[in-house]
Every structure is written in C-alpha cells, then in structure tokens.
Amino acid sequence: MASSADLVLALKKELKAARITYAALGDALGLAESSVKRMFARGEMPLSRVDAICRVLRLDFADLARQVADAQPLLRELSLAQEQAVVADRKLLLCAISVLSQWTLEQVVATYRISNAEAVRCFVQLDRLGVIELRPQNRYRLRLAKTFRWRPNGPVMGYFREHVLQDYFGGGFDGEGEAVMLVHGAIGRALAPAFVDRLQRVAQDFAQQHQTDQRLADKDREGYTLVLAMRSWEFGAFQALRR
C-alpha cells in the first residue's frame, strides 16, 4: 500500500506537470500559500487532503495510488516474518504458490477445495504482505521481481524440504515432457555463478511460457513443476568413505 510520503511525492510531480503553483493550489483549497508549502515540505498529509488535491488536479485518487504502487521496487524475497505467516496457513501457502503462477482467484476456487471467501481472505493477506497488489474484482498485479526466490533457509523452503521433496522426487519422471538429470563435476569456482545465471534464465523462460499459454484452452495445457538447483555438495554416504 502506498505511504503518505509516496503520495505526496507523486502529487508534487503532478502539480509540476500541470504547472499549478502552490499559490494557485492554496487558492483552490482555501489555504495560504505558506501553509501549502509547509504541508508539502513535511512530506506527509492526511488522505482527505490528498483526495482534495486530486480533485483540483482532476486526478482520481485510485489512479494516483496505483501510479505510486507501480513505481515501488519489486520484492526479490520476503522477510522471515512474512514467510512464517505464509507457511502458518496451508490455504495461504496454496494461494501464494498460485499467484506465483499467475492463477486467477476463480482458477484457485475451481481447482481446490477452498471457498471463494477463503480465497479472497488469502488474496487480501497476500496484498498486505506485499506479494500482490489487489485490484477491483479480485484481480491483482504481482509485486515480485523476476529474480524472486524463497529464502534459501527460510520457513517456506524448510516446509518444502520436509513435506514436498520426497513427494516430488518419488515420481518416475518417465512421462512425456518429463525428465530428471543429476550431473556431478568439478569446475572452476569463478564459473559457478554463470551456471546459476543460466538456471535462472531457464526458470524465467518457463514462467514466461506459462504466461503466454494462459490463452490456450485447459485441454491443451498440462501442469508442470520445474525444479532447478545447483550447490557444492557430496552425498553423505560418499563423504563417509573419503580418505
């Protein structure tokens, strides 16, 4: 949600673009020019005042708030407390994973045993957490950067290690369009980050294809989960055999 300071800064830009002086704004609001200057200098003002200035500018308050929200930096990861909130509620976690895949609220309700009211509650909470920006009719904009990842040793990854990995890797990976590869080797340490960058690009390509294929009919799409990983690691049983 946009802060008062962010809204004031956006209003300054709008006043400049409209070539409205503080004196002219004061006349429109019934305030002295000095009062208007102090109000902007403080960098914050009541929302009722912001709304009044929007009317002078013939600018919708919701449009201003959306403009400010769009300018906010996207999240690369959540805080520890935010992740703890996500994993504490299984339905919230389900909705968080769903919005990462750009599912609509209607798709979530139609696919899982979760009521419309529960899904709305979860979407509202994800908005408060900064994961999405909730818009009218339960539409939303994702507030996460393309490089977003769950905290490596955070609550969400801990949940997946405990509850999901065995379920995922227990499959045969022998269906059409399925594969699992395990490659081990020793490479120069300086090259490792480049391989991680390539993995990130593959993940982004997959996410982009998901977006593109939303226009296809359900019968022409299949749900896949892509897991990419790279770490300096040796199987514990092998380590035990080292000289």
C-alpha atoms as a PDB file:
ATOM      1  CA  MET A   1       0.000   0.000   0.000  1.00  0.00           C
ATOM      2  CA  ALA A   2       1.280   3.481  -0.897  1.00  0.00           C
ATOM      3  CA  SER A   3       2.535   5.525   2.061  1.00  0.00           C
ATOM      4  CA  SER A   4       1.525   9.143   2.679  1.00  0.00           C
ATOM      5  CA  ALA A   5       5.063  10.282   1.826  1.00  0.00           C
ATOM      6  CA  ASP A   6       4.950   8.438  -1.507  1.00  0.00           C
ATOM      7  CA  LEU A   7       1.586  10.008  -2.337  1.00  0.00           C
ATOM      8  CA  VAL A   8       2.862  13.497  -1.513  1.00  0.00           C
ATOM      9  CA  LEU A   9       5.891  12.997  -3.749  1.00  0.00           C
ATOM     10  CA  ALA A  10       3.633  11.834  -6.588  1.00  0.00           C
ATOM     11  CA  LEU A  11       1.388  14.879  -6.063  1.00  0.00           C
ATOM     12  CA  LYS A  12       4.423  17.172  -6.367  1.00  0.00           C
ATOM     13  CA  LYS A  13       5.189  15.656  -9.741  1.00  0.00           C
ATOM     14  CA  GLU A  14       1.568  16.009 -10.856  1.00  0.00           C
ATOM     15  CA  LEU A  15       1.476  19.678  -9.801  1.00  0.00           C
ATOM     16  CA  LYS A  16       4.660  20.356 -11.737  1.00  0.00           C
ATOM     17  CA  ALA A  17       3.351  18.556 -14.811  1.00  0.00           C
ATOM     18  CA  ALA A  18       0.092  20.535 -14.624  1.00  0.00           C
ATOM     19  CA  ARG A  19       2.037  23.790 -13.995  1.00  0.00           C
ATOM     20  CA  ILE A  20      -0.040  24.563 -10.924  1.00  0.00           C
ATOM     21  CA  THR A  21       1.779  26.729  -8.366  1.00  0.00           C
ATOM     22  CA  TYR A  22       1.484  26.393  -4.584  1.00  0.00           C
ATOM     23  CA  ALA A  23      -0.299  29.761  -4.600  1.00  0.00           C
ATOM     24  CA  ALA A  24      -2.893  28.559  -7.114  1.00  0.00           C
ATOM     25  CA  LEU A  25      -3.356  25.313  -5.212  1.00  0.00           C
ATOM     26  CA  GLY A  26      -3.808  27.266  -1.989  1.00  0.00           C
ATOM     27  CA  ASP A  27      -6.499  29.410  -3.591  1.00  0.00           C
ATOM     28  CA  ALA A  28      -8.339  26.274  -4.749  1.00  0.00           C
ATOM     29  CA  LEU A  29      -8.124  24.707  -1.275  1.00  0.00           C
ATOM     30  CA  GLY A  30      -8.808  27.891   0.690  1.00  0.00           C
ATOM     31  CA  LEU A  31      -5.302  27.836   2.216  1.00  0.00           C
ATOM     32  CA  ALA A  32      -2.435  30.301   2.320  1.00  0.00           C
ATOM     33  CA  GLU A  33       0.489  29.589   0.017  1.00  0.00           C
ATOM     34  CA  SER A  34       2.779  29.272   3.073  1.00  0.00           C
ATOM     35  CA  SER A  35       0.502  26.564   4.512  1.00  0.00           C
ATOM     36  CA  VAL A  36       0.635  24.604   1.268  1.00  0.00           C
ATOM     37  CA  LYS A  37       4.441  24.874   1.182  1.00  0.00           C
ATOM     38  CA  ARG A  38       4.716  23.613   4.776  1.00  0.00           C
ATOM     39  CA  MET A  39       2.348  20.765   4.015  1.00  0.00           C
ATOM     40  CA  PHE A  40       4.488  19.547   1.114  1.00  0.00           C
ATOM     41  CA  ALA A  41       7.749  20.212   2.974  1.00  0.00           C
ATOM     42  CA  ARG A  42       6.652  17.853   5.765  1.00  0.00           C
ATOM     43  CA  GLY A  43       6.279  15.136   3.153  1.00  0.00           C
ATOM     44  CA  GLU A  44       3.014  13.792   4.573  1.00  0.00           C
ATOM     45  CA  MET A  45      -0.620  14.814   4.813  1.00  0.00           C
ATOM     46  CA  PRO A  46      -3.998  13.286   5.669  1.00  0.00           C
ATOM     47  CA  LEU A  47      -5.606  11.188   2.950  1.00  0.00           C
ATOM     48  CA  SER A  48      -8.549  13.608   2.942  1.00  0.00           C
ATOM     49  CA  ARG A  49      -6.137  16.380   1.917  1.00  0.00           C
ATOM     50  CA  VAL A  50      -4.553  14.166  -0.741  1.00  0.00           C
ATOM     51  CA  ASP A  51      -8.029  13.482  -2.113  1.00  0.00           C
ATOM     52  CA  ALA A  52      -8.843  17.225  -2.154  1.00  0.00           C
ATOM     53  CA  ILE A  53      -5.674  17.980  -4.135  1.00  0.00           C
ATOM     54  CA  CYS A  54      -6.517  15.154  -6.534  1.00  0.00           C
ATOM     55  CA  ARG A  55      -9.868  16.853  -7.207  1.00  0.00           C
ATOM     56  CA  VAL A  56      -8.076  20.107  -8.003  1.00  0.00           C
ATOM     57  CA  LEU A  57      -5.832  18.206 -10.410  1.00  0.00           C
ATOM     58  CA  ARG A  58      -8.858  16.306 -11.791  1.00  0.00           C
ATOM     59  CA  LEU A  59      -6.988  13.141 -10.914  1.00  0.00           C
ATOM     60  CA  ASP A  60      -8.651  10.053  -9.492  1.00  0.00           C
ATOM     61  CA  PHE A  61      -7.203   9.108  -6.088  1.00  0.00           C
ATOM     62  CA  ALA A  62      -7.166   5.423  -7.056  1.00  0.00           C
ATOM     63  CA  ASP A  63      -5.147   6.253 -10.173  1.00  0.00           C
ATOM     64  CA  LEU A  64      -2.630   8.181  -8.074  1.00  0.00           C
ATOM     65  CA  ALA A  65      -2.313   5.306  -5.585  1.00  0.00           C
ATOM     66  CA  ARG A  66      -1.862   2.827  -8.440  1.00  0.00           C
ATOM     67  CA  GLN A  67       0.765   5.053 -10.033  1.00  0.00           C
ATOM     68  CA  VAL A  68       2.701   5.125  -6.744  1.00  0.00           C
ATOM     69  CA  ALA A  69       2.359   1.359  -6.269  1.00  0.00           C
ATOM     70  CA  ASP A  70       3.615   0.688  -9.789  1.00  0.00           C
ATOM     71  CA  ALA A  71       6.726   2.739  -9.070  1.00  0.00           C
ATOM     72  CA  GLN A  72       7.634   0.750  -5.932  1.00  0.00           C
ATOM     73  CA  PRO A  73      10.581  -1.660  -6.230  1.00  0.00           C
ATOM     74  CA  LEU A  74       9.590  -5.293  -6.710  1.00  0.00           C
ATOM     75  CA  LEU A  75      10.401  -7.794  -3.967  1.00  0.00           C
ATOM     76  CA  ARG A  76      13.276 -10.205  -4.524  1.00  0.00           C
ATOM     77  CA  GLU A  77      12.394 -12.139  -1.371  1.00  0.00           C
ATOM     78  CA  LEU A  78      10.088 -11.924   1.629  1.00  0.00           C
ATOM     79  CA  SER A  79      11.166 -11.217   5.181  1.00  0.00           C
ATOM     80  CA  LEU A  80      11.454 -14.039   7.703  1.00  0.00           C
ATOM     81  CA  ALA A  81       8.227 -12.919   9.391  1.00  0.00           C
ATOM     82  CA  GLN A  82       6.386 -12.777   6.072  1.00  0.00           C
ATOM     83  CA  GLU A  83       7.417 -16.314   5.141  1.00  0.00           C
ATOM     84  CA  GLN A  84       6.424 -17.552   8.588  1.00  0.00           C
ATOM     85  CA  ALA A  85       2.953 -16.073   8.009  1.00  0.00           C
ATOM     86  CA  VAL A  86       2.704 -17.818   4.629  1.00  0.00           C
ATOM     87  CA  VAL A  87       3.569 -21.315   5.888  1.00  0.00           C
ATOM     88  CA  ALA A  88       1.437 -20.954   9.016  1.00  0.00           C
ATOM     89  CA  ASP A  89      -1.716 -21.196   6.871  1.00  0.00           C
ATOM     90  CA  ARG A  90      -1.870 -24.024   4.319  1.00  0.00           C
ATOM     91  CA  LYS A  91      -4.507 -22.258   2.231  1.00  0.00           C
ATOM     92  CA  LEU A  92      -2.478 -19.040   2.235  1.00  0.00           C
ATOM     93  CA  LEU A  93       0.547 -21.024   1.049  1.00  0.00           C
ATOM     94  CA  LEU A  94      -1.581 -22.574  -1.700  1.00  0.00           C
ATOM     95  CA  CYS A  95      -2.720 -19.116  -2.840  1.00  0.00           C
ATOM     96  CA  ALA A  96       0.840 -17.771  -2.660  1.00  0.00           C
ATOM     97  CA  ILE A  97       2.085 -20.556  -4.950  1.00  0.00           C
ATOM     98  CA  SER A  98      -0.929 -19.993  -7.213  1.00  0.00           C
ATOM     99  CA  VAL A  99      -0.305 -16.269  -7.694  1.00  0.00           C
ATOM    100  CA  LEU A 100       3.354 -17.004  -8.432  1.00  0.00           C
ATOM    101  CA  SER A 101       1.958 -18.994 -11.363  1.00  0.00           C
ATOM    102  CA  GLN A 102      -0.421 -16.095 -12.183  1.00  0.00           C
ATOM    103  CA  TRP A 103      -3.577 -18.099 -11.435  1.00  0.00           C
ATOM    104  CA  THR A 104      -6.760 -16.114 -11.058  1.00  0.00           C
ATOM    105  CA  LEU A 105      -8.849 -16.380  -7.908  1.00  0.00           C
ATOM    106  CA  GLU A 106     -11.511 -18.160  -9.957  1.00  0.00           C
ATOM    107  CA  GLN A 107      -8.995 -20.798 -11.069  1.00  0.00           C
ATOM    108  CA  VAL A 108      -7.921 -21.420  -7.465  1.00  0.00           C
ATOM    109  CA  VAL A 109     -11.529 -21.871  -6.285  1.00  0.00           C
ATOM    110  CA  ALA A 110     -12.432 -24.097  -9.250  1.00  0.00           C
ATOM    111  CA  THR A 111      -9.390 -26.343  -8.756  1.00  0.00           C
ATOM    112  CA  TYR A 112      -9.093 -26.723  -4.979  1.00  0.00           C
ATOM    113  CA  ARG A 113     -11.432 -27.249  -2.021  1.00  0.00           C
ATOM    114  CA  ILE A 114     -11.268 -23.633  -0.941  1.00  0.00           C
ATOM    115  CA  SER A 115     -14.287 -21.342  -0.822  1.00  0.00           C
ATOM    116  CA  ASN A 116     -14.465 -18.012  -2.607  1.00  0.00           C
ATOM    117  CA  ALA A 117     -14.487 -16.196   0.749  1.00  0.00           C
ATOM    118  CA  GLU A 118     -11.384 -18.095   1.914  1.00  0.00           C
ATOM    119  CA  ALA A 119      -9.582 -17.333  -1.337  1.00  0.00           C
ATOM    120  CA  VAL A 120     -10.465 -13.642  -1.076  1.00  0.00           C
ATOM    121  CA  ARG A 121      -9.160 -13.614   2.509  1.00  0.00           C
ATOM    122  CA  CYS A 122      -5.886 -15.143   1.349  1.00  0.00           C
ATOM    123  CA  PHE A 123      -5.545 -12.707  -1.541  1.00  0.00           C
ATOM    124  CA  VAL A 124      -6.127  -9.789   0.838  1.00  0.00           C
ATOM    125  CA  GLN A 125      -3.425 -11.139   3.144  1.00  0.00           C
ATOM    126  CA  LEU A 126      -1.021 -11.548   0.218  1.00  0.00           C
ATOM    127  CA  ASP A 127      -1.723  -7.920  -0.650  1.00  0.00           C
ATOM    128  CA  ARG A 128      -0.837  -6.882   2.911  1.00  0.00           C
ATOM    129  CA  LEU A 129       2.338  -8.951   2.715  1.00  0.00           C
ATOM    130  CA  GLY A 130       3.337  -7.132  -0.483  1.00  0.00           C
ATOM    131  CA  VAL A 131       3.231 -10.246  -2.661  1.00  0.00           C
ATOM    132  CA  ILE A 132       0.443  -8.844  -4.852  1.00  0.00           C
ATOM    133  CA  GLU A 133      -1.352  -5.559  -5.365  1.00  0.00           C
ATOM    134  CA  LEU A 134      -5.032  -6.429  -5.167  1.00  0.00           C
ATOM    135  CA  ARG A 135      -7.259  -4.659  -7.679  1.00  0.00           C
ATOM    136  CA  PRO A 136     -11.025  -4.472  -8.273  1.00  0.00           C
ATOM    137  CA  GLN A 137     -12.913  -7.739  -8.891  1.00  0.00           C
ATOM    138  CA  ASN A 138     -10.125  -9.691  -7.162  1.00  0.00           C
ATOM    139  CA  ARG A 139      -7.659  -9.104  -9.983  1.00  0.00           C
ATOM    140  CA  TYR A 140      -4.099  -8.428  -8.938  1.00  0.00           C
ATOM    141  CA  ARG A 141      -0.630  -7.414 -10.025  1.00  0.00           C
ATOM    142  CA  LEU A 142       2.305  -9.495  -8.853  1.00  0.00           C
ATOM    143  CA  ARG A 143       4.730  -7.400  -6.763  1.00  0.00           C
ATOM    144  CA  LEU A 144       7.642  -9.838  -7.071  1.00  0.00           C
ATOM    145  CA  ALA A 145      10.752  -9.384  -9.184  1.00  0.00           C
ATOM    146  CA  LYS A 146      11.676 -11.889 -11.886  1.00  0.00           C
ATOM    147  CA  THR A 147      14.595 -12.871  -9.650  1.00  0.00           C
ATOM    148  CA  PHE A 148      12.278 -13.566  -6.680  1.00  0.00           C
ATOM    149  CA  ARG A 149      13.145 -16.618  -4.616  1.00  0.00           C
ATOM    150  CA  TRP A 150      12.091 -18.026  -1.290  1.00  0.00           C
ATOM    151  CA  ARG A 151      14.695 -17.514   1.436  1.00  0.00           C
ATOM    152  CA  PRO A 152      17.254 -20.353   0.989  1.00  0.00           C
ATOM    153  CA  ASN A 153      16.994 -21.442   4.625  1.00  0.00           C
ATOM    154  CA  GLY A 154      13.679 -19.802   5.382  1.00  0.00           C
ATOM    155  CA  PRO A 155      10.324 -21.194   6.506  1.00  0.00           C
ATOM    156  CA  VAL A 156       8.928 -21.859   3.016  1.00  0.00           C
ATOM    157  CA  MET A 157      11.945 -23.828   1.784  1.00  0.00           C
ATOM    158  CA  GLY A 158      12.008 -25.641   5.126  1.00  0.00           C
ATOM    159  CA  TYR A 159       8.376 -26.628   4.593  1.00  0.00           C
ATOM    160  CA  PHE A 160       9.108 -27.909   1.098  1.00  0.00           C
ATOM    161  CA  ARG A 161      12.156 -29.881   2.216  1.00  0.00           C
ATOM    162  CA  GLU A 162      10.103 -31.574   4.917  1.00  0.00           C
ATOM    163  CA  HIS A 163       6.835 -32.137   3.075  1.00  0.00           C
ATOM    164  CA  VAL A 164       7.331 -31.800  -0.672  1.00  0.00           C
ATOM    165  CA  LEU A 165      10.703 -33.055  -1.927  1.00  0.00           C
ATOM    166  CA  GLN A 166      10.058 -36.745  -1.271  1.00  0.00           C
ATOM    167  CA  ASP A 167       6.625 -36.459  -2.885  1.00  0.00           C
ATOM    168  CA  TYR A 168       8.094 -34.716  -5.940  1.00  0.00           C
ATOM    169  CA  PHE A 169      11.142 -36.919  -6.477  1.00  0.00           C
ATOM    170  CA  GLY A 170       9.159 -40.060  -5.725  1.00  0.00           C
ATOM    171  CA  GLY A 171       7.762 -39.886  -9.261  1.00  0.00           C
ATOM    172  CA  GLY A 172       9.223 -41.825 -12.187  1.00  0.00           C
ATOM    173  CA  PHE A 173       9.917 -38.773 -14.390  1.00  0.00           C
ATOM    174  CA  ASP A 174       9.121 -41.058 -17.332  1.00  0.00           C
ATOM    175  CA  GLY A 175       6.083 -39.288 -18.761  1.00  0.00           C
ATOM    176  CA  GLU A 176       6.019 -37.196 -21.915  1.00  0.00           C
ATOM    177  CA  GLY A 177       7.844 -33.928 -21.307  1.00  0.00           C
ATOM    178  CA  GLU A 178       9.338 -35.188 -18.027  1.00  0.00           C
ATOM    179  CA  ALA A 179      12.997 -35.632 -17.105  1.00  0.00           C
ATOM    180  CA  VAL A 180      15.329 -35.676 -14.148  1.00  0.00           C
ATOM    181  CA  MET A 181      19.072 -35.168 -14.510  1.00  0.00           C
ATOM    182  CA  LEU A 182      21.815 -35.421 -11.936  1.00  0.00           C
ATOM    183  CA  VAL A 183      25.201 -34.187 -13.135  1.00  0.00           C
ATOM    184  CA  HIS A 184      28.268 -34.042 -10.927  1.00  0.00           C
ATOM    185  CA  GLY A 185      31.578 -32.471 -11.790  1.00  0.00           C
ATOM    186  CA  ALA A 186      34.366 -30.204 -10.566  1.00  0.00           C
ATOM    187  CA  ILE A 187      34.585 -26.807 -12.309  1.00  0.00           C
ATOM    188  CA  GLY A 188      36.364 -23.543 -11.662  1.00  0.00           C
ATOM    189  CA  ARG A 189      34.805 -21.651  -8.763  1.00  0.00           C
ATOM    190  CA  ALA A 190      34.608 -18.493 -10.877  1.00  0.00           C
ATOM    191  CA  LEU A 191      32.373 -20.279 -13.404  1.00  0.00           C
ATOM    192  CA  ALA A 192      29.738 -21.466 -10.930  1.00  0.00           C
ATOM    193  CA  PRO A 193      27.794 -18.148 -10.812  1.00  0.00           C
ATOM    194  CA  ALA A 194      27.482 -18.213 -14.616  1.00  0.00           C
ATOM    195  CA  PHE A 195      25.767 -21.609 -14.457  1.00  0.00           C
ATOM    196  CA  VAL A 196      23.402 -20.295 -11.783  1.00  0.00           C
ATOM    197  CA  ASP A 197      22.530 -17.386 -14.107  1.00  0.00           C
ATOM    198  CA  ARG A 198      21.696 -19.899 -16.843  1.00  0.00           C
ATOM    199  CA  LEU A 199      19.423 -21.794 -14.478  1.00  0.00           C
ATOM    200  CA  GLN A 200      17.652 -18.549 -13.614  1.00  0.00           C
ATOM    201  CA  ARG A 201      17.131 -17.831 -17.307  1.00  0.00           C
ATOM    202  CA  VAL A 202      15.607 -21.282 -17.818  1.00  0.00           C
ATOM    203  CA  ALA A 203      13.253 -20.624 -14.887  1.00  0.00           C
ATOM    204  CA  GLN A 204      12.284 -17.249 -16.357  1.00  0.00           C
ATOM    205  CA  ASP A 205      11.672 -18.832 -19.780  1.00  0.00           C
ATOM    206  CA  PHE A 206       9.393 -21.401 -18.151  1.00  0.00           C
ATOM    207  CA  ALA A 207       7.496 -18.679 -16.262  1.00  0.00           C
ATOM    208  CA  GLN A 208       7.138 -16.608 -19.434  1.00  0.00           C
ATOM    209  CA  GLN A 209       5.811 -19.592 -21.370  1.00  0.00           C
ATOM    210  CA  HIS A 210       3.273 -20.157 -18.602  1.00  0.00           C
ATOM    211  CA  GLN A 211       2.096 -16.559 -19.086  1.00  0.00           C
ATOM    212  CA  THR A 212       1.898 -16.908 -22.863  1.00  0.00           C
ATOM    213  CA  ASP A 213      -0.035 -20.188 -22.739  1.00  0.00           C
ATOM    214  CA  GLN A 214      -2.782 -18.798 -20.487  1.00  0.00           C
ATOM    215  CA  ARG A 215      -4.676 -18.067 -23.708  1.00  0.00           C
ATOM    216  CA  LEU A 216      -4.825 -21.790 -24.545  1.00  0.00           C
ATOM    217  CA  ALA A 217      -7.809 -23.938 -23.627  1.00  0.00           C
ATOM    218  CA  ASP A 218      -7.471 -26.026 -20.456  1.00  0.00           C
ATOM    219  CA  LYS A 219      -7.454 -29.243 -22.511  1.00  0.00           C
ATOM    220  CA  ASP A 220      -4.331 -28.049 -24.349  1.00  0.00           C
ATOM    221  CA  ARG A 221      -2.329 -27.304 -21.195  1.00  0.00           C
ATOM    222  CA  GLU A 222      -0.712 -29.522 -18.573  1.00  0.00           C
ATOM    223  CA  GLY A 223       0.608 -28.521 -15.161  1.00  0.00           C
ATOM    224  CA  TYR A 224       4.358 -28.999 -14.759  1.00  0.00           C
ATOM    225  CA  THR A 225       6.707 -28.115 -11.917  1.00  0.00           C
ATOM    226  CA  LEU A 226      10.273 -27.189 -12.774  1.00  0.00           C
ATOM    227  CA  VAL A 227      12.893 -27.637 -10.047  1.00  0.00           C
ATOM    228  CA  LEU A 228      16.393 -26.265 -10.685  1.00  0.00           C
ATOM    229  CA  ALA A 229      19.233 -26.473  -8.200  1.00  0.00           C
ATOM    230  CA  MET A 230      22.982 -26.229  -8.001  1.00  0.00           C
ATOM    231  CA  ARG A 231      25.184 -26.425  -4.921  1.00  0.00           C
ATOM    232  CA  SER A 232      28.569 -27.564  -3.738  1.00  0.00           C
ATOM    233  CA  TRP A 233      27.572 -30.952  -2.333  1.00  0.00           C
ATOM    234  CA  GLU A 234      28.637 -34.536  -1.874  1.00  0.00           C
ATOM    235  CA  PHE A 235      26.354 -37.357  -0.795  1.00  0.00           C
ATOM    236  CA  GLY A 236      26.908 -38.011   2.918  1.00  0.00           C
ATOM    237  CA  ALA A 237      27.417 -41.748   2.378  1.00  0.00           C
ATOM    238  CA  PHE A 238      30.222 -40.937  -0.079  1.00  0.00           C
ATOM    239  CA  GLN A 239      31.790 -38.427   2.286  1.00  0.00           C
ATOM    240  CA  ALA A 240      31.992 -41.156   4.901  1.00  0.00           C
ATOM    241  CA  LEU A 241      34.219 -43.149   2.513  1.00  0.00           C
ATOM    242  CA  ARG A 242      36.711 -40.355   1.927  1.00  0.00           C
ATOM    243  CA  ARG A 243      40.273 -40.946   2.995  1.00  0.00           C
END
